[in-house]
Structures are given as structure tokens and as C-alpha cells.
Amino acid sequence: MHAIIVSAQGGPEVLEYAERPDPVPGDGEVVVDVAASGVNFIDIYHRSGAYPLPLPTTIGSEGAGTVSA
């Protein structure tokens, strides 16, 4: 799978398009094949450091898709 990764806080230049291993669901979890993901102001706040998260992190916390596992 591919993801947009934030490894450092800053502007749009800190965004990285990266390949990641396919997720494996644990007990009580599902995997969703995401068809569309939105980037909202909260994602910009996380990227910029206004609302910091442990790094690295991914953005696009809202999405729509099909449960695949």
C-alpha cells in the first residue's frame, strides 16, 4: 500500500509518498481498501505541528472504501 508520511513538522515539503507493508488485521479489526481519503484542516495542523503527533505519522484520517479482510 502507499501512504503520505509526515516525518518532520513543517510545510507541504515534508510530505512523503511512501510504500508501506499491507496491514494485517488483529482480533476485532478489519482492513479497508480505501478508495478516497480526504485531507482536512486537522491533517494540516498535525503536519505543521500546531497539534503535534508522534512522528512519523500519516495524514488523511477520513476515508471511504471496501472492507477487504
PDB file of N, CA and C in Angstrom:
ATOM      1  N   MET A   1       0.850  -1.166   0.000  1.00  0.00           N
ATOM      2  CA  MET A   1       0.000   0.000   0.000  1.00  0.00           C
ATOM      3  C   MET A   1       0.892   1.225   0.000  1.00  0.00           C
ATOM      4  N   HIS A   2       0.298   2.357  -0.332  1.00  0.00           N
ATOM      5  CA  HIS A   2       1.018   3.624  -0.317  1.00  0.00           C
ATOM      6  C   HIS A   2       0.370   4.555   0.698  1.00  0.00           C
ATOM      7  N   ALA A   3       1.181   5.451   1.246  1.00  0.00           N
ATOM      8  CA  ALA A   3       0.684   6.394   2.245  1.00  0.00           C
ATOM      9  C   ALA A   3       1.439   7.710   2.110  1.00  0.00           C
ATOM     10  N   ILE A   4       0.821   8.762   2.608  1.00  0.00           N
ATOM     11  CA  ILE A   4       1.504  10.051   2.734  1.00  0.00           C
ATOM     12  C   ILE A   4       2.026  10.118   4.161  1.00  0.00           C
ATOM     13  N   ILE A   5       3.345  10.188   4.300  1.00  0.00           N
ATOM     14  CA  ILE A   5       4.010  10.148   5.587  1.00  0.00           C
ATOM     15  C   ILE A   5       4.533  11.533   5.944  1.00  0.00           C
ATOM     16  N   VAL A   6       4.393  11.909   7.208  1.00  0.00           N
ATOM     17  CA  VAL A   6       4.980  13.128   7.750  1.00  0.00           C
ATOM     18  C   VAL A   6       6.073  12.690   8.718  1.00  0.00           C
ATOM     19  N   SER A   7       7.341  12.934   8.351  1.00  0.00           N
ATOM     20  CA  SER A   7       8.471  12.545   9.199  1.00  0.00           C
ATOM     21  C   SER A   7       9.016  13.704  10.016  1.00  0.00           C
ATOM     22  N   ALA A   8       8.654  14.922   9.624  1.00  0.00           N
ATOM     23  CA  ALA A   8       9.080  16.129  10.337  1.00  0.00           C
ATOM     24  C   ALA A   8       7.961  17.144  10.210  1.00  0.00           C
ATOM     25  N   GLN A   9       7.891  18.053  11.147  1.00  0.00           N
ATOM     26  CA  GLN A   9       6.843  19.070  11.071  1.00  0.00           C
ATOM     27  C   GLN A   9       7.296  20.205  10.169  1.00  0.00           C
ATOM     28  N   GLY A  10       6.330  20.769   9.434  1.00  0.00           N
ATOM     29  CA  GLY A  10       6.654  21.853   8.528  1.00  0.00           C
ATOM     30  C   GLY A  10       5.568  22.046   7.503  1.00  0.00           C
ATOM     31  N   GLY A  11       5.949  22.598   6.366  1.00  0.00           N
ATOM     32  CA  GLY A  11       5.019  22.872   5.286  1.00  0.00           C
ATOM     33  C   GLY A  11       4.813  21.653   4.401  1.00  0.00           C
ATOM     34  N   PRO A  12       4.179  21.855   3.252  1.00  0.00           N
ATOM     35  CA  PRO A  12       3.898  20.735   2.351  1.00  0.00           C
ATOM     36  C   PRO A  12       5.144  19.973   1.899  1.00  0.00           C
ATOM     37  N   GLU A  13       6.302  20.607   1.964  1.00  0.00           N
ATOM     38  CA  GLU A  13       7.534  19.946   1.520  1.00  0.00           C
ATOM     39  C   GLU A  13       7.930  18.762   2.409  1.00  0.00           C
ATOM     40  N   VAL A  14       7.350  18.625   3.603  1.00  0.00           N
ATOM     41  CA  VAL A  14       7.702  17.500   4.482  1.00  0.00           C
ATOM     42  C   VAL A  14       6.890  16.249   4.173  1.00  0.00           C
ATOM     43  N   LEU A  15       5.912  16.355   3.262  1.00  0.00           N
ATOM     44  CA  LEU A  15       5.089  15.199   2.915  1.00  0.00           C
ATOM     45  C   LEU A  15       5.876  14.238   2.032  1.00  0.00           C
ATOM     46  N   GLU A  16       5.790  12.950   2.347  1.00  0.00           N
ATOM     47  CA  GLU A  16       6.482  11.925   1.568  1.00  0.00           C
ATOM     48  C   GLU A  16       5.472  10.885   1.101  1.00  0.00           C
ATOM     49  N   TYR A  17       5.512  10.563  -0.180  1.00  0.00           N
ATOM     50  CA  TYR A  17       4.713   9.471  -0.732  1.00  0.00           C
ATOM     51  C   TYR A  17       5.548   8.221  -0.551  1.00  0.00           C
ATOM     52  N   ALA A  18       5.064   7.279   0.256  1.00  0.00           N
ATOM     53  CA  ALA A  18       5.892   6.127   0.615  1.00  0.00           C
ATOM     54  C   ALA A  18       5.109   4.826   0.507  1.00  0.00           C
ATOM     55  N   GLU A  19       5.836   3.763   0.217  1.00  0.00           N
ATOM     56  CA  GLU A  19       5.248   2.426   0.200  1.00  0.00           C
ATOM     57  C   GLU A  19       5.359   1.847   1.603  1.00  0.00           C
ATOM     58  N   ARG A  20       4.306   1.223   2.051  1.00  0.00           N
ATOM     59  CA  ARG A  20       4.247   0.599   3.368  1.00  0.00           C
ATOM     60  C   ARG A  20       3.725  -0.821   3.226  1.00  0.00           C
ATOM     61  N   PRO A  21       4.041  -1.698   4.192  1.00  0.00           N
ATOM     62  CA  PRO A  21       3.507  -3.069   4.126  1.00  0.00           C
ATOM     63  C   PRO A  21       1.980  -3.058   4.234  1.00  0.00           C
ATOM     64  N   ASP A  22       1.347  -4.013   3.573  1.00  0.00           N
ATOM     65  CA  ASP A  22      -0.104  -4.146   3.705  1.00  0.00           C
ATOM     66  C   ASP A  22      -0.461  -4.457   5.152  1.00  0.00           C
ATOM     67  N   PRO A  23      -1.497  -3.815   5.689  1.00  0.00           N
ATOM     68  CA  PRO A  23      -1.881  -4.076   7.074  1.00  0.00           C
ATOM     69  C   PRO A  23      -2.486  -5.467   7.233  1.00  0.00           C
ATOM     70  N   VAL A  24      -2.278  -6.037   8.397  1.00  0.00           N
ATOM     71  CA  VAL A  24      -2.856  -7.334   8.751  1.00  0.00           C
ATOM     72  C   VAL A  24      -3.774  -7.096   9.946  1.00  0.00           C
ATOM     73  N   PRO A  25      -5.065  -7.428   9.819  1.00  0.00           N
ATOM     74  CA  PRO A  25      -5.978  -7.134  10.928  1.00  0.00           C
ATOM     75  C   PRO A  25      -5.735  -8.053  12.113  1.00  0.00           C
ATOM     76  N   GLY A  26      -5.881  -7.492  13.306  1.00  0.00           N
ATOM     77  CA  GLY A  26      -5.830  -8.274  14.530  1.00  0.00           C
ATOM     78  C   GLY A  26      -7.234  -8.675  14.939  1.00  0.00           C
ATOM     79  N   ASP A  27      -7.356  -9.274  16.100  1.00  0.00           N
ATOM     80  CA  ASP A  27      -8.674  -9.665  16.610  1.00  0.00           C
ATOM     81  C   ASP A  27      -9.569  -8.441  16.738  1.00  0.00           C
ATOM     82  N   GLY A  28     -10.775  -8.536  16.192  1.00  0.00           N
ATOM     83  CA  GLY A  28     -11.740  -7.445  16.275  1.00  0.00           C
ATOM     84  C   GLY A  28     -11.449  -6.279  15.347  1.00  0.00           C
ATOM     85  N   GLU A  29     -10.523  -6.423  14.413  1.00  0.00           N
ATOM     86  CA  GLU A  29     -10.172  -5.366  13.472  1.00  0.00           C
ATOM     87  C   GLU A  29     -10.527  -5.779  12.050  1.00  0.00           C
ATOM     88  N   VAL A  30     -10.614  -4.802  11.154  1.00  0.00           N
ATOM     89  CA  VAL A  30     -10.830  -5.052   9.730  1.00  0.00           C
ATOM     90  C   VAL A  30      -9.796  -4.256   8.945  1.00  0.00           C
ATOM     91  N   VAL A  31      -9.611  -4.631   7.682  1.00  0.00           N
ATOM     92  CA  VAL A  31      -8.795  -3.859   6.739  1.00  0.00           C
ATOM     93  C   VAL A  31      -9.751  -3.277   5.716  1.00  0.00           C
ATOM     94  N   VAL A  32      -9.575  -1.998   5.409  1.00  0.00           N
ATOM     95  CA  VAL A  32     -10.409  -1.317   4.428  1.00  0.00           C
ATOM     96  C   VAL A  32      -9.529  -0.918   3.249  1.00  0.00           C
ATOM     97  N   ASP A  33      -9.912  -1.346   2.046  1.00  0.00           N
ATOM     98  CA  ASP A  33      -9.260  -0.862   0.820  1.00  0.00           C
ATOM     99  C   ASP A  33      -9.825   0.527   0.557  1.00  0.00           C
ATOM    100  N   VAL A  34      -9.039   1.538   0.826  1.00  0.00           N
ATOM    101  CA  VAL A  34      -9.505   2.927   0.753  1.00  0.00           C
ATOM    102  C   VAL A  34      -9.593   3.361  -0.704  1.00  0.00           C
ATOM    103  N   ALA A  35     -10.762   3.838  -1.093  1.00  0.00           N
ATOM    104  CA  ALA A  35     -10.985   4.347  -2.446  1.00  0.00           C
ATOM    105  C   ALA A  35     -10.775   5.858  -2.507  1.00  0.00           C
ATOM    106  N   ALA A  36     -11.049   6.550  -1.404  1.00  0.00           N
ATOM    107  CA  ALA A  36     -10.882   8.001  -1.346  1.00  0.00           C
ATOM    108  C   ALA A  36     -10.558   8.401   0.083  1.00  0.00           C
ATOM    109  N   SER A  37      -9.646   9.334   0.216  1.00  0.00           N
ATOM    110  CA  SER A  37      -9.266   9.829   1.536  1.00  0.00           C
ATOM    111  C   SER A  37      -9.195  11.342   1.474  1.00  0.00           C
ATOM    112  N   GLY A  38      -9.797  11.986   2.453  1.00  0.00           N
ATOM    113  CA  GLY A  38      -9.791  13.441   2.488  1.00  0.00           C
ATOM    114  C   GLY A  38      -8.653  13.965   3.345  1.00  0.00           C
ATOM    115  N   VAL A  39      -8.133  15.106   2.975  1.00  0.00           N
ATOM    116  CA  VAL A  39      -7.151  15.812   3.795  1.00  0.00           C
ATOM    117  C   VAL A  39      -7.855  17.060   4.296  1.00  0.00           C
ATOM    118  N   ASN A  40      -7.951  17.174   5.611  1.00  0.00           N
ATOM    119  CA  ASN A  40      -8.701  18.252   6.236  1.00  0.00           C
ATOM    120  C   ASN A  40      -7.768  19.151   7.028  1.00  0.00           C
ATOM    121  N   PHE A  41      -8.331  20.200   7.621  1.00  0.00           N
ATOM    122  CA  PHE A  41      -7.505  21.127   8.387  1.00  0.00           C
ATOM    123  C   PHE A  41      -6.778  20.431   9.526  1.00  0.00           C
ATOM    124  N   ILE A  42      -7.369  19.408  10.150  1.00  0.00           N
ATOM    125  CA  ILE A  42      -6.674  18.715  11.236  1.00  0.00           C
ATOM    126  C   ILE A  42      -5.391  18.068  10.728  1.00  0.00           C
ATOM    127  N   ASP A  43      -5.400  17.571   9.493  1.00  0.00           N
ATOM    128  CA  ASP A  43      -4.187  16.991   8.910  1.00  0.00           C
ATOM    129  C   ASP A  43      -3.113  18.067   8.716  1.00  0.00           C
ATOM    130  N   ILE A  44      -3.522  19.247   8.304  1.00  0.00           N
ATOM    131  CA  ILE A  44      -2.585  20.363   8.146  1.00  0.00           C
ATOM    132  C   ILE A  44      -2.032  20.764   9.507  1.00  0.00           C
ATOM    133  N   TYR A  45      -2.869  20.784  10.528  1.00  0.00           N
ATOM    134  CA  TYR A  45      -2.409  21.121  11.880  1.00  0.00           C
ATOM    135  C   TYR A  45      -1.413  20.082  12.387  1.00  0.00           C
ATOM    136  N   HIS A  46      -1.661  18.802  12.103  1.00  0.00           N
ATOM    137  CA  HIS A  46      -0.717  17.766  12.508  1.00  0.00           C
ATOM    138  C   HIS A  46       0.613  17.930  11.768  1.00  0.00           C
ATOM    139  N   ARG A  47       0.537  18.157  10.473  1.00  0.00           N
ATOM    140  CA  ARG A  47       1.753  18.319   9.666  1.00  0.00           C
ATOM    141  C   ARG A  47       2.577  19.509  10.138  1.00  0.00           C
ATOM    142  N   SER A  48       1.919  20.617  10.424  1.00  0.00           N
ATOM    143  CA  SER A  48       2.632  21.849  10.782  1.00  0.00           C
ATOM    144  C   SER A  48       3.147  21.843  12.216  1.00  0.00           C
ATOM    145  N   GLY A  49       2.593  20.961  13.060  1.00  0.00           N
ATOM    146  CA  GLY A  49       2.996  20.938  14.457  1.00  0.00           C
ATOM    147  C   GLY A  49       2.065  21.707  15.366  1.00  0.00           C
ATOM    148  N   ALA A  50       1.000  22.315  14.803  1.00  0.00           N
ATOM    149  CA  ALA A  50       0.039  23.032  15.643  1.00  0.00           C
ATOM    150  C   ALA A  50      -0.634  22.081  16.632  1.00  0.00           C
ATOM    151  N   TYR A  51      -0.942  20.877  16.191  1.00  0.00           N
ATOM    152  CA  TYR A  51      -1.444  19.791  17.046  1.00  0.00           C
ATOM    153  C   TYR A  51      -0.498  18.612  16.834  1.00  0.00           C
ATOM    154  N   PRO A  52       0.617  18.579  17.556  1.00  0.00           N
ATOM    155  CA  PRO A  52       1.642  17.575  17.260  1.00  0.00           C
ATOM    156  C   PRO A  52       1.205  16.146  17.574  1.00  0.00           C
ATOM    157  N   LEU A  53       1.692  15.234  16.745  1.00  0.00           N
ATOM    158  CA  LEU A  53       1.542  13.797  16.934  1.00  0.00           C
ATOM    159  C   LEU A  53       2.941  13.195  16.961  1.00  0.00           C
ATOM    160  N   PRO A  54       3.098  12.008  17.541  1.00  0.00           N
ATOM    161  CA  PRO A  54       4.403  11.336  17.440  1.00  0.00           C
ATOM    162  C   PRO A  54       4.734  11.090  15.961  1.00  0.00           C
ATOM    163  N   LEU A  55       5.974  11.346  15.595  1.00  0.00           N
ATOM    164  CA  LEU A  55       6.411  11.177  14.209  1.00  0.00           C
ATOM    165  C   LEU A  55       7.201   9.896  14.054  1.00  0.00           C
ATOM    166  N   PRO A  56       7.181   9.263  12.903  1.00  0.00           N
ATOM    167  CA  PRO A  56       6.405   9.617  11.716  1.00  0.00           C
ATOM    168  C   PRO A  56       4.928   9.293  11.906  1.00  0.00           C
ATOM    169  N   THR A  57       4.101  10.001  11.158  1.00  0.00           N
ATOM    170  CA  THR A  57       2.664   9.785  11.183  1.00  0.00           C
ATOM    171  C   THR A  57       2.130   9.852   9.758  1.00  0.00           C
ATOM    172  N   THR A  58       0.887   9.495   9.572  1.00  0.00           N
ATOM    173  CA  THR A  58       0.256   9.589   8.252  1.00  0.00           C
ATOM    174  C   THR A  58      -0.865  10.607   8.323  1.00  0.00           C
ATOM    175  N   ILE A  59      -1.221  11.166   7.172  1.00  0.00           N
ATOM    176  CA  ILE A  59      -2.342  12.090   7.120  1.00  0.00           C
ATOM    177  C   ILE A  59      -3.443  11.456   6.284  1.00  0.00           C
ATOM    178  N   GLY A  60      -4.627  12.075   6.339  1.00  0.00           N
ATOM    179  CA  GLY A  60      -5.776  11.539   5.629  1.00  0.00           C
ATOM    180  C   GLY A  60      -6.547  10.610   6.531  1.00  0.00           C
ATOM    181  N   SER A  61      -6.999  11.114   7.657  1.00  0.00           N
ATOM    182  CA  SER A  61      -7.632  10.268   8.669  1.00  0.00           C
ATOM    183  C   SER A  61      -9.091   9.910   8.360  1.00  0.00           C
ATOM    184  N   GLU A  62      -9.654  10.532   7.338  1.00  0.00           N
ATOM    185  CA  GLU A  62     -11.019  10.193   6.931  1.00  0.00           C
ATOM    186  C   GLU A  62     -10.971   9.519   5.567  1.00  0.00           C
ATOM    187  N   GLY A  63     -11.775   8.499   5.382  1.00  0.00           N
ATOM    188  CA  GLY A  63     -11.755   7.820   4.096  1.00  0.00           C
ATOM    189  C   GLY A  63     -12.990   6.987   3.862  1.00  0.00           C
ATOM    190  N   ALA A  64     -13.104   6.506   2.631  1.00  0.00           N
ATOM    191  CA  ALA A  64     -14.211   5.629   2.242  1.00  0.00           C
ATOM    192  C   ALA A  64     -13.648   4.496   1.394  1.00  0.00           C
ATOM    193  N   GLY A  65     -14.191   3.303   1.580  1.00  0.00           N
ATOM    194  CA  GLY A  65     -13.692   2.187   0.804  1.00  0.00           C
ATOM    195  C   GLY A  65     -14.485   0.925   1.074  1.00  0.00           C
ATOM    196  N   THR A  66     -13.865  -0.213   0.826  1.00  0.00           N
ATOM    197  CA  THR A  66     -14.498  -1.518   0.938  1.00  0.00           C
ATOM    198  C   THR A  66     -13.735  -2.360   1.949  1.00  0.00           C
ATOM    199  N   VAL A  67     -14.456  -3.003   2.862  1.00  0.00           N
ATOM    200  CA  VAL A  67     -13.819  -3.915   3.808  1.00  0.00           C
ATOM    201  C   VAL A  67     -13.297  -5.119   3.030  1.00  0.00           C
ATOM    202  N   SER A  68     -11.988  -5.393   3.176  1.00  0.00           N
ATOM    203  CA  SER A  68     -11.380  -6.475   2.395  1.00  0.00           C
ATOM    204  C   SER A  68     -10.894  -7.636   3.277  1.00  0.00           C
ATOM    205  N   ALA A  69     -10.774  -7.425   4.552  1.00  0.00           N
ATOM    206  CA  ALA A  69     -10.335  -8.507   5.453  1.00  0.00           C
ATOM    207  C   ALA A  69     -10.846  -8.234   6.864  1.00  0.00           C
TER     208      ALA A  69
END
